[in-house]
Amino acid sequence: MLKERRMAAEQVAGALFEAESAIDAALSKTAMLAGVMPSLRKAAGASALIGQDAVERASQAIMALAEARRAIVETHKELSVVQVQIGLGAVKMAGDEGDKPPPQGVELTRTRMRSLRIAS
């Protein structure tokens, strides 16, 4: 059973690391795009009004990617909790780069609780 849990955890970890990498790459490339547009506009001698909407849209895309990155980081934290819950807390997953900080704000032993209702 431990072998199956570890194999499943490795597959999830691989998918997680790929997703994190893809978001980071998209964020980096979009930031480069947003940075190059004003420079090229200026080099072309065009008015600052030219391309303003495109710069704003690229900036919105950066914010959306930053939100996606936050969500995938939170997913990573939640999966760290699951890793402990299934007895693999001491196992370092392949592809996990660098030292990660200890979980903060996430309970290591979490129990599902039913929603409370106000009695009338």
PDB file of N, CA and C in Angstrom:
ATOM      1  N   MET A   1       0.816  -1.192   0.000  1.00  0.00           N
ATOM      2  CA  MET A   1       0.000   0.000   0.000  1.00  0.00           C
ATOM      3  C   MET A   1       0.863   1.262   0.000  1.00  0.00           C
ATOM      4  N   LEU A   2       1.951   1.255   0.754  1.00  0.00           N
ATOM      5  CA  LEU A   2       2.846   2.407   0.797  1.00  0.00           C
ATOM      6  C   LEU A   2       3.433   2.684  -0.587  1.00  0.00           C
ATOM      7  N   LYS A   3       3.783   1.616  -1.290  1.00  0.00           N
ATOM      8  CA  LYS A   3       4.346   1.762  -2.630  1.00  0.00           C
ATOM      9  C   LYS A   3       3.348   2.456  -3.564  1.00  0.00           C
ATOM     10  N   GLU A   4       2.079   2.081  -3.491  1.00  0.00           N
ATOM     11  CA  GLU A   4       1.046   2.687  -4.341  1.00  0.00           C
ATOM     12  C   GLU A   4       0.840   4.159  -3.987  1.00  0.00           C
ATOM     13  N   ARG A   5       0.846   4.451  -2.683  1.00  0.00           N
ATOM     14  CA  ARG A   5       0.690   5.856  -2.262  1.00  0.00           C
ATOM     15  C   ARG A   5       1.852   6.696  -2.748  1.00  0.00           C
ATOM     16  N   ARG A   6       3.063   6.130  -2.646  1.00  0.00           N
ATOM     17  CA  ARG A   6       4.240   6.872  -3.098  1.00  0.00           C
ATOM     18  C   ARG A   6       4.195   7.100  -4.613  1.00  0.00           C
ATOM     19  N   MET A   7       3.798   6.083  -5.366  1.00  0.00           N
ATOM     20  CA  MET A   7       3.703   6.233  -6.827  1.00  0.00           C
ATOM     21  C   MET A   7       2.666   7.294  -7.202  1.00  0.00           C
ATOM     22  N   ALA A   8       1.531   7.271  -6.519  1.00  0.00           N
ATOM     23  CA  ALA A   8       0.490   8.269  -6.769  1.00  0.00           C
ATOM     24  C   ALA A   8       1.001   9.663  -6.418  1.00  0.00           C
ATOM     25  N   ALA A   9       1.687   9.766  -5.287  1.00  0.00           N
ATOM     26  CA  ALA A   9       2.228  11.061  -4.858  1.00  0.00           C
ATOM     27  C   ALA A   9       3.257  11.578  -5.859  1.00  0.00           C
ATOM     28  N   GLU A  10       4.086  10.697  -6.401  1.00  0.00           N
ATOM     29  CA  GLU A  10       5.082  11.102  -7.407  1.00  0.00           C
ATOM     30  C   GLU A  10       4.404  11.627  -8.666  1.00  0.00           C
ATOM     31  N   GLN A  11       3.300  10.990  -9.072  1.00  0.00           N
ATOM     32  CA  GLN A  11       2.580  11.450 -10.264  1.00  0.00           C
ATOM     33  C   GLN A  11       1.950  12.819 -10.027  1.00  0.00           C
ATOM     34  N   VAL A  12       1.349  12.981  -8.857  1.00  0.00           N
ATOM     35  CA  VAL A  12       0.746  14.278  -8.520  1.00  0.00           C
ATOM     36  C   VAL A  12       1.840  15.345  -8.441  1.00  0.00           C
ATOM     37  N   ALA A  13       2.961  15.009  -7.808  1.00  0.00           N
ATOM     38  CA  ALA A  13       4.065  15.970  -7.672  1.00  0.00           C
ATOM     39  C   ALA A  13       4.582  16.379  -9.049  1.00  0.00           C
ATOM     40  N   GLY A  14       4.735  15.424  -9.949  1.00  0.00           N
ATOM     41  CA  GLY A  14       5.204  15.748 -11.293  1.00  0.00           C
ATOM     42  C   GLY A  14       4.269  16.710 -12.008  1.00  0.00           C
ATOM     43  N   ALA A  15       2.971  16.448 -11.910  1.00  0.00           N
ATOM     44  CA  ALA A  15       1.986  17.327 -12.538  1.00  0.00           C
ATOM     45  C   ALA A  15       1.997  18.712 -11.891  1.00  0.00           C
ATOM     46  N   LEU A  16       2.148  18.743 -10.567  1.00  0.00           N
ATOM     47  CA  LEU A  16       2.198  20.014  -9.846  1.00  0.00           C
ATOM     48  C   LEU A  16       3.403  20.843 -10.291  1.00  0.00           C
ATOM     49  N   PHE A  17       4.581  20.211 -10.347  1.00  0.00           N
ATOM     50  CA  PHE A  17       5.787  20.945 -10.724  1.00  0.00           C
ATOM     51  C   PHE A  17       5.697  21.449 -12.157  1.00  0.00           C
ATOM     52  N   GLU A  18       5.101  20.671 -13.048  1.00  0.00           N
ATOM     53  CA  GLU A  18       4.910  21.125 -14.427  1.00  0.00           C
ATOM     54  C   GLU A  18       3.980  22.334 -14.478  1.00  0.00           C
ATOM     55  N   ALA A  19       2.901  22.295 -13.700  1.00  0.00           N
ATOM     56  CA  ALA A  19       1.959  23.417 -13.666  1.00  0.00           C
ATOM     57  C   ALA A  19       2.632  24.669 -13.105  1.00  0.00           C
ATOM     58  N   GLU A  20       3.394  24.509 -12.027  1.00  0.00           N
ATOM     59  CA  GLU A  20       4.113  25.656 -11.448  1.00  0.00           C
ATOM     60  C   GLU A  20       5.077  26.249 -12.461  1.00  0.00           C
ATOM     61  N   SER A  21       5.800  25.400 -13.147  1.00  0.00           N
ATOM     62  CA  SER A  21       6.778  25.852 -14.139  1.00  0.00           C
ATOM     63  C   SER A  21       6.093  26.571 -15.304  1.00  0.00           C
ATOM     64  N   ALA A  22       4.970  26.032 -15.743  1.00  0.00           N
ATOM     65  CA  ALA A  22       4.245  26.650 -16.863  1.00  0.00           C
ATOM     66  C   ALA A  22       3.730  28.037 -16.489  1.00  0.00           C
ATOM     67  N   ILE A  23       3.202  28.163 -15.277  1.00  0.00           N
ATOM     68  CA  ILE A  23       2.708  29.468 -14.837  1.00  0.00           C
ATOM     69  C   ILE A  23       3.864  30.456 -14.720  1.00  0.00           C
ATOM     70  N   ASP A  24       4.980  30.021 -14.128  1.00  0.00           N
ATOM     71  CA  ASP A  24       6.146  30.905 -14.015  1.00  0.00           C
ATOM     72  C   ASP A  24       6.649  31.343 -15.387  1.00  0.00           C
ATOM     73  N   ALA A  25       6.689  30.418 -16.346  1.00  0.00           N
ATOM     74  CA  ALA A  25       7.149  30.757 -17.700  1.00  0.00           C
ATOM     75  C   ALA A  25       6.193  31.746 -18.357  1.00  0.00           C
ATOM     76  N   ALA A  26       4.899  31.513 -18.218  1.00  0.00           N
ATOM     77  CA  ALA A  26       3.918  32.430 -18.804  1.00  0.00           C
ATOM     78  C   ALA A  26       4.009  33.809 -18.166  1.00  0.00           C
ATOM     79  N   LEU A  27       4.191  33.851 -16.857  1.00  0.00           N
ATOM     80  CA  LEU A  27       4.324  35.118 -16.156  1.00  0.00           C
ATOM     81  C   LEU A  27       5.559  35.875 -16.640  1.00  0.00           C
ATOM     82  N   SER A  28       6.662  35.167 -16.767  1.00  0.00           N
ATOM     83  CA  SER A  28       7.908  35.780 -17.219  1.00  0.00           C
ATOM     84  C   SER A  28       7.792  36.311 -18.644  1.00  0.00           C
ATOM     85  N   LYS A  29       7.232  35.515 -19.539  1.00  0.00           N
ATOM     86  CA  LYS A  29       7.105  35.933 -20.936  1.00  0.00           C
ATOM     87  C   LYS A  29       6.130  37.096 -21.100  1.00  0.00           C
ATOM     88  N   THR A  30       5.058  37.083 -20.313  1.00  0.00           N
ATOM     89  CA  THR A  30       4.089  38.170 -20.390  1.00  0.00           C
ATOM     90  C   THR A  30       4.683  39.459 -19.836  1.00  0.00           C
ATOM     91  N   ALA A  31       5.479  39.349 -18.788  1.00  0.00           N
ATOM     92  CA  ALA A  31       6.154  40.529 -18.237  1.00  0.00           C
ATOM     93  C   ALA A  31       7.151  41.093 -19.250  1.00  0.00           C
ATOM     94  N   MET A  32       7.845  40.200 -19.969  1.00  0.00           N
ATOM     95  CA  MET A  32       8.765  40.684 -21.017  1.00  0.00           C
ATOM     96  C   MET A  32       7.997  41.424 -22.105  1.00  0.00           C
ATOM     97  N   LEU A  33       6.850  40.885 -22.495  1.00  0.00           N
ATOM     98  CA  LEU A  33       6.010  41.546 -23.499  1.00  0.00           C
ATOM     99  C   LEU A  33       5.589  42.930 -23.022  1.00  0.00           C
ATOM    100  N   ALA A  34       5.098  43.000 -21.790  1.00  0.00           N
ATOM    101  CA  ALA A  34       4.654  44.285 -21.246  1.00  0.00           C
ATOM    102  C   ALA A  34       5.808  45.279 -21.166  1.00  0.00           C
ATOM    103  N   GLY A  35       7.007  44.789 -20.914  1.00  0.00           N
ATOM    104  CA  GLY A  35       8.172  45.666 -20.823  1.00  0.00           C
ATOM    105  C   GLY A  35       8.688  46.151 -22.159  1.00  0.00           C
ATOM    106  N   VAL A  36       8.569  45.313 -23.174  1.00  0.00           N
ATOM    107  CA  VAL A  36       9.139  45.671 -24.471  1.00  0.00           C
ATOM    108  C   VAL A  36       8.234  46.629 -25.268  1.00  0.00           C
ATOM    109  N   MET A  37       6.955  46.577 -25.041  1.00  0.00           N
ATOM    110  CA  MET A  37       6.042  47.421 -25.830  1.00  0.00           C
ATOM    111  C   MET A  37       6.334  48.917 -25.681  1.00  0.00           C
ATOM    112  N   PRO A  38       6.460  49.453 -24.470  1.00  0.00           N
ATOM    113  CA  PRO A  38       6.767  50.887 -24.359  1.00  0.00           C
ATOM    114  C   PRO A  38       8.127  51.243 -24.957  1.00  0.00           C
ATOM    115  N   SER A  39       9.101  50.376 -24.790  1.00  0.00           N
ATOM    116  CA  SER A  39      10.437  50.649 -25.339  1.00  0.00           C
ATOM    117  C   SER A  39      10.400  50.731 -26.857  1.00  0.00           C
ATOM    118  N   LEU A  40       9.719  49.790 -27.476  1.00  0.00           N
ATOM    119  CA  LEU A  40       9.642  49.778 -28.936  1.00  0.00           C
ATOM    120  C   LEU A  40       8.790  50.929 -29.464  1.00  0.00           C
ATOM    121  N   ARG A  41       7.742  51.287 -28.739  1.00  0.00           N
ATOM    122  CA  ARG A  41       6.925  52.427 -29.126  1.00  0.00           C
ATOM    123  C   ARG A  41       7.773  53.688 -29.135  1.00  0.00           C
ATOM    124  N   LYS A  42       8.567  53.856 -28.082  1.00  0.00           N
ATOM    125  CA  LYS A  42       9.424  55.034 -27.980  1.00  0.00           C
ATOM    126  C   LYS A  42      10.482  55.027 -29.077  1.00  0.00           C
ATOM    127  N   ALA A  43      11.087  53.871 -29.315  1.00  0.00           N
ATOM    128  CA  ALA A  43      12.113  53.764 -30.366  1.00  0.00           C
ATOM    129  C   ALA A  43      11.537  54.072 -31.738  1.00  0.00           C
ATOM    130  N   ALA A  44      10.263  53.764 -31.936  1.00  0.00           N
ATOM    131  CA  ALA A  44       9.614  54.035 -33.222  1.00  0.00           C
ATOM    132  C   ALA A  44       9.156  55.485 -33.324  1.00  0.00           C
ATOM    133  N   GLY A  45       9.274  56.222 -32.231  1.00  0.00           N
ATOM    134  CA  GLY A  45       8.873  57.628 -32.240  1.00  0.00           C
ATOM    135  C   GLY A  45       7.368  57.818 -32.240  1.00  0.00           C
ATOM    136  N   ALA A  46       6.643  56.837 -31.778  1.00  0.00           N
ATOM    137  CA  ALA A  46       5.183  56.929 -31.756  1.00  0.00           C
ATOM    138  C   ALA A  46       4.716  57.611 -30.466  1.00  0.00           C
ATOM    139  N   SER A  47       3.541  58.169 -30.532  1.00  0.00           N
ATOM    140  CA  SER A  47       2.930  58.815 -29.380  1.00  0.00           C
ATOM    141  C   SER A  47       2.703  57.800 -28.261  1.00  0.00           C
ATOM    142  N   ALA A  48       2.700  58.293 -27.026  1.00  0.00           N
ATOM    143  CA  ALA A  48       2.430  57.434 -25.872  1.00  0.00           C
ATOM    144  C   ALA A  48       1.011  56.873 -25.929  1.00  0.00           C
ATOM    145  N   LEU A  49       0.140  57.505 -26.688  1.00  0.00           N
ATOM    146  CA  LEU A  49      -1.234  57.012 -26.832  1.00  0.00           C
ATOM    147  C   LEU A  49      -1.292  55.712 -27.637  1.00  0.00           C
ATOM    148  N   ILE A  50      -0.291  55.516 -28.478  1.00  0.00           N
ATOM    149  CA  ILE A  50      -0.261  54.325 -29.331  1.00  0.00           C
ATOM    150  C   ILE A  50       0.044  53.096 -28.473  1.00  0.00           C
ATOM    151  N   GLY A  51      -0.815  52.121 -28.556  1.00  0.00           N
ATOM    152  CA  GLY A  51      -0.590  50.861 -27.856  1.00  0.00           C
ATOM    153  C   GLY A  51      -0.944  50.859 -26.379  1.00  0.00           C
ATOM    154  N   GLN A  52      -1.534  51.940 -25.888  1.00  0.00           N
ATOM    155  CA  GLN A  52      -1.861  52.002 -24.459  1.00  0.00           C
ATOM    156  C   GLN A  52      -2.801  50.867 -24.056  1.00  0.00           C
ATOM    157  N   ASP A  53      -3.811  50.608 -24.889  1.00  0.00           N
ATOM    158  CA  ASP A  53      -4.747  49.527 -24.555  1.00  0.00           C
ATOM    159  C   ASP A  53      -4.031  48.178 -24.487  1.00  0.00           C
ATOM    160  N   ALA A  54      -3.075  47.963 -25.377  1.00  0.00           N
ATOM    161  CA  ALA A  54      -2.326  46.702 -25.377  1.00  0.00           C
ATOM    162  C   ALA A  54      -1.481  46.578 -24.106  1.00  0.00           C
ATOM    163  N   VAL A  55      -0.872  47.668 -23.683  1.00  0.00           N
ATOM    164  CA  VAL A  55      -0.078  47.654 -22.450  1.00  0.00           C
ATOM    165  C   VAL A  55      -0.981  47.342 -21.254  1.00  0.00           C
ATOM    166  N   GLU A  56      -2.161  47.954 -21.225  1.00  0.00           N
ATOM    167  CA  GLU A  56      -3.091  47.691 -20.127  1.00  0.00           C
ATOM    168  C   GLU A  56      -3.544  46.235 -20.120  1.00  0.00           C
ATOM    169  N   ARG A  57      -3.837  45.681 -21.295  1.00  0.00           N
ATOM    170  CA  ARG A  57      -4.269  44.270 -21.374  1.00  0.00           C
ATOM    171  C   ARG A  57      -3.144  43.333 -20.935  1.00  0.00           C
ATOM    172  N   ALA A  58      -1.922  43.635 -21.341  1.00  0.00           N
ATOM    173  CA  ALA A  58      -0.794  42.798 -20.913  1.00  0.00           C
ATOM    174  C   ALA A  58      -0.628  42.874 -19.391  1.00  0.00           C
ATOM    175  N   SER A  59      -0.832  44.064 -18.841  1.00  0.00           N
ATOM    176  CA  SER A  59      -0.746  44.229 -17.385  1.00  0.00           C
ATOM    177  C   SER A  59      -1.845  43.435 -16.686  1.00  0.00           C
ATOM    178  N   GLN A  60      -3.028  43.417 -17.257  1.00  0.00           N
ATOM    179  CA  GLN A  60      -4.114  42.611 -16.699  1.00  0.00           C
ATOM    180  C   GLN A  60      -3.763  41.119 -16.753  1.00  0.00           C
ATOM    181  N   ALA A  61      -3.137  40.712 -17.843  1.00  0.00           N
ATOM    182  CA  ALA A  61      -2.726  39.309 -17.973  1.00  0.00           C
ATOM    183  C   ALA A  61      -1.696  38.953 -16.903  1.00  0.00           C
ATOM    184  N   ILE A  62      -0.783  39.887 -16.619  1.00  0.00           N
ATOM    185  CA  ILE A  62       0.216  39.647 -15.566  1.00  0.00           C
ATOM    186  C   ILE A  62      -0.477  39.456 -14.224  1.00  0.00           C
ATOM    187  N   MET A  63      -1.457  40.282 -13.933  1.00  0.00           N
ATOM    188  CA  MET A  63      -2.190  40.152 -12.668  1.00  0.00           C
ATOM    189  C   MET A  63      -2.927  38.819 -12.602  1.00  0.00           C
ATOM    190  N   ALA A  64      -3.536  38.410 -13.710  1.00  0.00           N
ATOM    191  CA  ALA A  64      -4.243  37.125 -13.732  1.00  0.00           C
ATOM    192  C   ALA A  64      -3.264  35.967 -13.524  1.00  0.00           C
ATOM    193  N   LEU A  65      -2.103  36.062 -14.133  1.00  0.00           N
ATOM    194  CA  LEU A  65      -1.086  35.017 -13.955  1.00  0.00           C
ATOM    195  C   LEU A  65      -0.546  35.009 -12.526  1.00  0.00           C
ATOM    196  N   ALA A  66      -0.428  36.194 -11.924  1.00  0.00           N
ATOM    197  CA  ALA A  66       0.011  36.258 -10.522  1.00  0.00           C
ATOM    198  C   ALA A  66      -1.028  35.593  -9.616  1.00  0.00           C
ATOM    199  N   GLU A  67      -2.300  35.778  -9.922  1.00  0.00           N
ATOM    200  CA  GLU A  67      -3.355  35.119  -9.156  1.00  0.00           C
ATOM    201  C   GLU A  67      -3.304  33.610  -9.372  1.00  0.00           C
ATOM    202  N   ALA A  68      -3.046  33.184 -10.600  1.00  0.00           N
ATOM    203  CA  ALA A  68      -2.918  31.750 -10.891  1.00  0.00           C
ATOM    204  C   ALA A  68      -1.726  31.172 -10.133  1.00  0.00           C
ATOM    205  N   ARG A  69      -0.638  31.933 -10.067  1.00  0.00           N
ATOM    206  CA  ARG A  69       0.541  31.464  -9.342  1.00  0.00           C
ATOM    207  C   ARG A  69       0.229  31.315  -7.852  1.00  0.00           C
ATOM    208  N   ARG A  70      -0.490  32.279  -7.298  1.00  0.00           N
ATOM    209  CA  ARG A  70      -0.886  32.187  -5.893  1.00  0.00           C
ATOM    210  C   ARG A  70      -1.740  30.935  -5.667  1.00  0.00           C
ATOM    211  N   ALA A  71      -2.658  30.664  -6.584  1.00  0.00           N
ATOM    212  CA  ALA A  71      -3.532  29.490  -6.448  1.00  0.00           C
ATOM    213  C   ALA A  71      -2.729  28.193  -6.523  1.00  0.00           C
ATOM    214  N   ILE A  72      -1.744  28.122  -7.417  1.00  0.00           N
ATOM    215  CA  ILE A  72      -0.962  26.891  -7.535  1.00  0.00           C
ATOM    216  C   ILE A  72      -0.037  26.730  -6.328  1.00  0.00           C
ATOM    217  N   VAL A  73       0.440  27.836  -5.775  1.00  0.00           N
ATOM    218  CA  VAL A  73       1.248  27.772  -4.548  1.00  0.00           C
ATOM    219  C   VAL A  73       0.382  27.277  -3.389  1.00  0.00           C
ATOM    220  N   GLU A  74      -0.850  27.741  -3.308  1.00  0.00           N
ATOM    221  CA  GLU A  74      -1.769  27.263  -2.265  1.00  0.00           C
ATOM    222  C   GLU A  74      -2.085  25.783  -2.482  1.00  0.00           C
ATOM    223  N   THR A  75      -2.214  25.375  -3.735  1.00  0.00           N
ATOM    224  CA  THR A  75      -2.417  23.956  -4.044  1.00  0.00           C
ATOM    225  C   THR A  75      -1.236  23.145  -3.537  1.00  0.00           C
ATOM    226  N   HIS A  76      -0.018  23.661  -3.757  1.00  0.00           N
ATOM    227  CA  HIS A  76       1.198  22.990  -3.301  1.00  0.00           C
ATOM    228  C   HIS A  76       1.169  22.826  -1.781  1.00  0.00           C
ATOM    229  N   LYS A  77       0.782  23.887  -1.080  1.00  0.00           N
ATOM    230  CA  LYS A  77       0.697  23.821   0.382  1.00  0.00           C
ATOM    231  C   LYS A  77      -0.308  22.760   0.818  1.00  0.00           C
ATOM    232  N   GLU A  78      -1.465  22.743   0.173  1.00  0.00           N
ATOM    233  CA  GLU A  78      -2.498  21.767   0.529  1.00  0.00           C
ATOM    234  C   GLU A  78      -2.025  20.347   0.254  1.00  0.00           C
ATOM    235  N   LEU A  79      -1.297  20.159  -0.846  1.00  0.00           N
ATOM    236  CA  LEU A  79      -0.778  18.831  -1.157  1.00  0.00           C
ATOM    237  C   LEU A  79       0.303  18.407  -0.169  1.00  0.00           C
ATOM    238  N   SER A  80       1.024  19.372   0.402  1.00  0.00           N
ATOM    239  CA  SER A  80       1.993  19.051   1.456  1.00  0.00           C
ATOM    240  C   SER A  80       1.283  18.487   2.676  1.00  0.00           C
ATOM    241  N   VAL A  81       0.097  19.009   2.963  1.00  0.00           N
ATOM    242  CA  VAL A  81      -0.711  18.499   4.070  1.00  0.00           C
ATOM    243  C   VAL A  81      -1.147  17.068   3.756  1.00  0.00           C
ATOM    244  N   VAL A  82      -1.603  16.852   2.520  1.00  0.00           N
ATOM    245  CA  VAL A  82      -2.029  15.518   2.109  1.00  0.00           C
ATOM    246  C   VAL A  82      -0.865  14.538   2.208  1.00  0.00           C
ATOM    247  N   GLN A  83       0.310  14.977   1.819  1.00  0.00           N
ATOM    248  CA  GLN A  83       1.503  14.125   1.874  1.00  0.00           C
ATOM    249  C   GLN A  83       1.720  13.607   3.290  1.00  0.00           C
ATOM    250  N   VAL A  84       1.567  14.483   4.273  1.00  0.00           N
ATOM    251  CA  VAL A  84       1.720  14.078   5.672  1.00  0.00           C
ATOM    252  C   VAL A  84       0.572  13.146   6.063  1.00  0.00           C
ATOM    253  N   GLN A  85      -0.638  13.477   5.631  1.00  0.00           N
ATOM    254  CA  GLN A  85      -1.809  12.679   6.003  1.00  0.00           C
ATOM    255  C   GLN A  85      -1.716  11.239   5.505  1.00  0.00           C
ATOM    256  N   ILE A  86      -1.062  11.026   4.356  1.00  0.00           N
ATOM    257  CA  ILE A  86      -0.971   9.665   3.818  1.00  0.00           C
ATOM    258  C   ILE A  86       0.322   8.968   4.224  1.00  0.00           C
ATOM    259  N   GLY A  87       1.057   9.584   5.149  1.00  0.00           N
ATOM    260  CA  GLY A  87       2.236   8.940   5.703  1.00  0.00           C
ATOM    261  C   GLY A  87       3.502   9.100   4.895  1.00  0.00           C
ATOM    262  N   LEU A  88       3.558  10.126   4.045  1.00  0.00           N
ATOM    263  CA  LEU A  88       4.748  10.359   3.228  1.00  0.00           C
ATOM    264  C   LEU A  88       5.409  11.688   3.560  1.00  0.00           C
ATOM    265  N   GLY A  89       5.220  12.158   4.778  1.00  0.00           N
ATOM    266  CA  GLY A  89       5.735  13.463   5.170  1.00  0.00           C
ATOM    267  C   GLY A  89       7.236  13.598   5.089  1.00  0.00           C
ATOM    268  N   ALA A  90       7.968  12.531   5.317  1.00  0.00           N
ATOM    269  CA  ALA A  90       9.433  12.592   5.306  1.00  0.00           C
ATOM    270  C   ALA A  90      10.016  12.365   3.916  1.00  0.00           C
ATOM    271  N   VAL A  91       9.157  12.083   2.933  1.00  0.00           N
ATOM    272  CA  VAL A  91       9.618  11.759   1.581  1.00  0.00           C
ATOM    273  C   VAL A  91       9.745  13.037   0.768  1.00  0.00           C
ATOM    274  N   LYS A  92      10.916  13.231   0.136  1.00  0.00           N
ATOM    275  CA  LYS A  92      11.106  14.366  -0.767  1.00  0.00           C
ATOM    276  C   LYS A  92      10.700  13.911  -2.158  1.00  0.00           C
ATOM    277  N   MET A  93       9.790  14.650  -2.766  1.00  0.00           N
ATOM    278  CA  MET A  93       9.282  14.285  -4.078  1.00  0.00           C
ATOM    279  C   MET A  93      10.287  14.677  -5.162  1.00  0.00           C
ATOM    280  N   ALA A  94      10.436  13.826  -6.153  1.00  0.00           N
ATOM    281  CA  ALA A  94      11.335  14.108  -7.274  1.00  0.00           C
ATOM    282  C   ALA A  94      10.876  15.379  -7.965  1.00  0.00           C
ATOM    283  N   GLY A  95      11.808  16.267  -8.248  1.00  0.00           N
ATOM    284  CA  GLY A  95      11.486  17.514  -8.933  1.00  0.00           C
ATOM    285  C   GLY A  95      11.211  18.677  -8.002  1.00  0.00           C
ATOM    286  N   ASP A  96      11.123  18.408  -6.714  1.00  0.00           N
ATOM    287  CA  ASP A  96      10.890  19.478  -5.750  1.00  0.00           C
ATOM    288  C   ASP A  96      12.193  20.239  -5.583  1.00  0.00           C
ATOM    289  N   GLU A  97      12.213  21.457  -6.092  1.00  0.00           N
ATOM    290  CA  GLU A  97      13.447  22.235  -6.122  1.00  0.00           C
ATOM    291  C   GLU A  97      13.646  23.011  -4.832  1.00  0.00           C
ATOM    292  N   GLY A  98      14.846  22.973  -4.323  1.00  0.00           N
ATOM    293  CA  GLY A  98      15.225  23.798  -3.181  1.00  0.00           C
ATOM    294  C   GLY A  98      14.507  23.435  -1.898  1.00  0.00           C
ATOM    295  N   ASP A  99      14.882  24.147  -0.863  1.00  0.00           N
ATOM    296  CA  ASP A  99      14.249  23.958   0.436  1.00  0.00           C
ATOM    297  C   ASP A  99      12.978  24.782   0.459  1.00  0.00           C
ATOM    298  N   LYS A 100      11.898  24.161   0.875  1.00  0.00           N
ATOM    299  CA  LYS A 100      10.683  24.945   0.990  1.00  0.00           C
ATOM    300  C   LYS A 100      10.428  25.245   2.449  1.00  0.00           C
ATOM    301  N   PRO A 101       9.843  26.401   2.691  1.00  0.00           N
ATOM    302  CA  PRO A 101       9.581  26.784   4.079  1.00  0.00           C
ATOM    303  C   PRO A 101       8.540  25.864   4.690  1.00  0.00           C
ATOM    304  N   PRO A 102       8.544  25.765   6.022  1.00  0.00           N
ATOM    305  CA  PRO A 102       7.531  24.937   6.673  1.00  0.00           C
ATOM    306  C   PRO A 102       6.141  25.509   6.413  1.00  0.00           C
ATOM    307  N   PRO A 103       5.131  24.656   6.364  1.00  0.00           N
ATOM    308  CA  PRO A 103       3.775  25.157   6.116  1.00  0.00           C
ATOM    309  C   PRO A 103       3.361  26.159   7.178  1.00  0.00           C
ATOM    310  N   GLN A 104       2.763  27.242   6.722  1.00  0.00           N
ATOM    311  CA  GLN A 104       2.255  28.252   7.642  1.00  0.00           C
ATOM    312  C   GLN A 104       0.791  28.480   7.332  1.00  0.00           C
ATOM    313  N   GLY A 105       0.011  28.587   8.347  1.00  0.00           N
ATOM    314  CA  GLY A 105      -1.402  28.871   8.148  1.00  0.00           C
ATOM    315  C   GLY A 105      -2.185  27.661   7.642  1.00  0.00           C
ATOM    316  N   VAL A 106      -1.554  26.507   7.577  1.00  0.00           N
ATOM    317  CA  VAL A 106      -2.245  25.303   7.138  1.00  0.00           C
ATOM    318  C   VAL A 106      -2.066  24.264   8.232  1.00  0.00           C
ATOM    319  N   GLU A 107      -3.161  23.727   8.694  1.00  0.00           N
ATOM    320  CA  GLU A 107      -3.090  22.712   9.730  1.00  0.00           C
ATOM    321  C   GLU A 107      -2.582  21.412   9.128  1.00  0.00           C
ATOM    322  N   LEU A 108      -1.662  20.754   9.803  1.00  0.00           N
ATOM    323  CA  LEU A 108      -1.146  19.495   9.294  1.00  0.00           C
ATOM    324  C   LEU A 108      -2.132  18.359   9.503  1.00  0.00           C
ATOM    325  N   THR A 109      -2.955  18.458  10.502  1.00  0.00           N
ATOM    326  CA  THR A 109      -3.998  17.454  10.676  1.00  0.00           C
ATOM    327  C   THR A 109      -5.323  18.179  10.562  1.00  0.00           C
ATOM    328  N   ARG A 110      -5.953  18.006   9.456  1.00  0.00           N
ATOM    329  CA  ARG A 110      -7.176  18.728   9.171  1.00  0.00           C
ATOM    330  C   ARG A 110      -8.341  17.753   9.203  1.00  0.00           C
ATOM    331  N   THR A 111      -9.414  18.184   9.799  1.00  0.00           N
ATOM    332  CA  THR A 111     -10.625  17.378   9.780  1.00  0.00           C
ATOM    333  C   THR A 111     -11.721  18.194   9.137  1.00  0.00           C
ATOM    334  N   ARG A 112     -12.560  17.525   8.399  1.00  0.00           N
ATOM    335  CA  ARG A 112     -13.699  18.188   7.775  1.00  0.00           C
ATOM    336  C   ARG A 112     -14.782  18.405   8.828  1.00  0.00           C
ATOM    337  N   MET A 113     -15.299  19.611   8.856  1.00  0.00           N
ATOM    338  CA  MET A 113     -16.366  19.911   9.795  1.00  0.00           C
ATOM    339  C   MET A 113     -17.587  20.347   8.998  1.00  0.00           C
ATOM    340  N   ARG A 114     -18.722  19.957   9.477  1.00  0.00           N
ATOM    341  CA  ARG A 114     -19.953  20.377   8.834  1.00  0.00           C
ATOM    342  C   ARG A 114     -20.177  21.850   9.097  1.00  0.00           C
ATOM    343  N   SER A 115     -20.821  22.508   8.171  1.00  0.00           N
ATOM    344  CA  SER A 115     -21.155  23.918   8.345  1.00  0.00           C
ATOM    345  C   SER A 115     -22.144  24.072   9.497  1.00  0.00           C
ATOM    346  N   LEU A 116     -21.922  25.108  10.272  1.00  0.00           N
ATOM    347  CA  LEU A 116     -22.825  25.404  11.371  1.00  0.00           C
ATOM    348  C   LEU A 116     -24.001  26.228  10.862  1.00  0.00           C
ATOM    349  N   ARG A 117     -25.137  25.983  11.419  1.00  0.00           N
ATOM    350  CA  ARG A 117     -26.340  26.742  11.060  1.00  0.00           C
ATOM    351  C   ARG A 117     -26.830  27.487  12.286  1.00  0.00           C
ATOM    352  N   ILE A 118     -27.352  28.657  12.056  1.00  0.00           N
ATOM    353  CA  ILE A 118     -27.906  29.436  13.150  1.00  0.00           C
ATOM    354  C   ILE A 118     -29.318  28.915  13.404  1.00  0.00           C
ATOM    355  N   ALA A 119     -29.568  28.549  14.648  1.00  0.00           N
ATOM    356  CA  ALA A 119     -30.894  28.047  15.015  1.00  0.00           C
ATOM    357  C   ALA A 119     -31.826  29.221  15.196  1.00  0.00           C
ATOM    358  N   SER A 120     -33.029  29.052  14.709  1.00  0.00           N
ATOM    359  CA  SER A 120     -33.987  30.161  14.874  1.00  0.00           C
ATOM    360  C   SER A 120     -35.058  29.844  15.883  1.00  0.00           C
TER     361      SER A 120
END
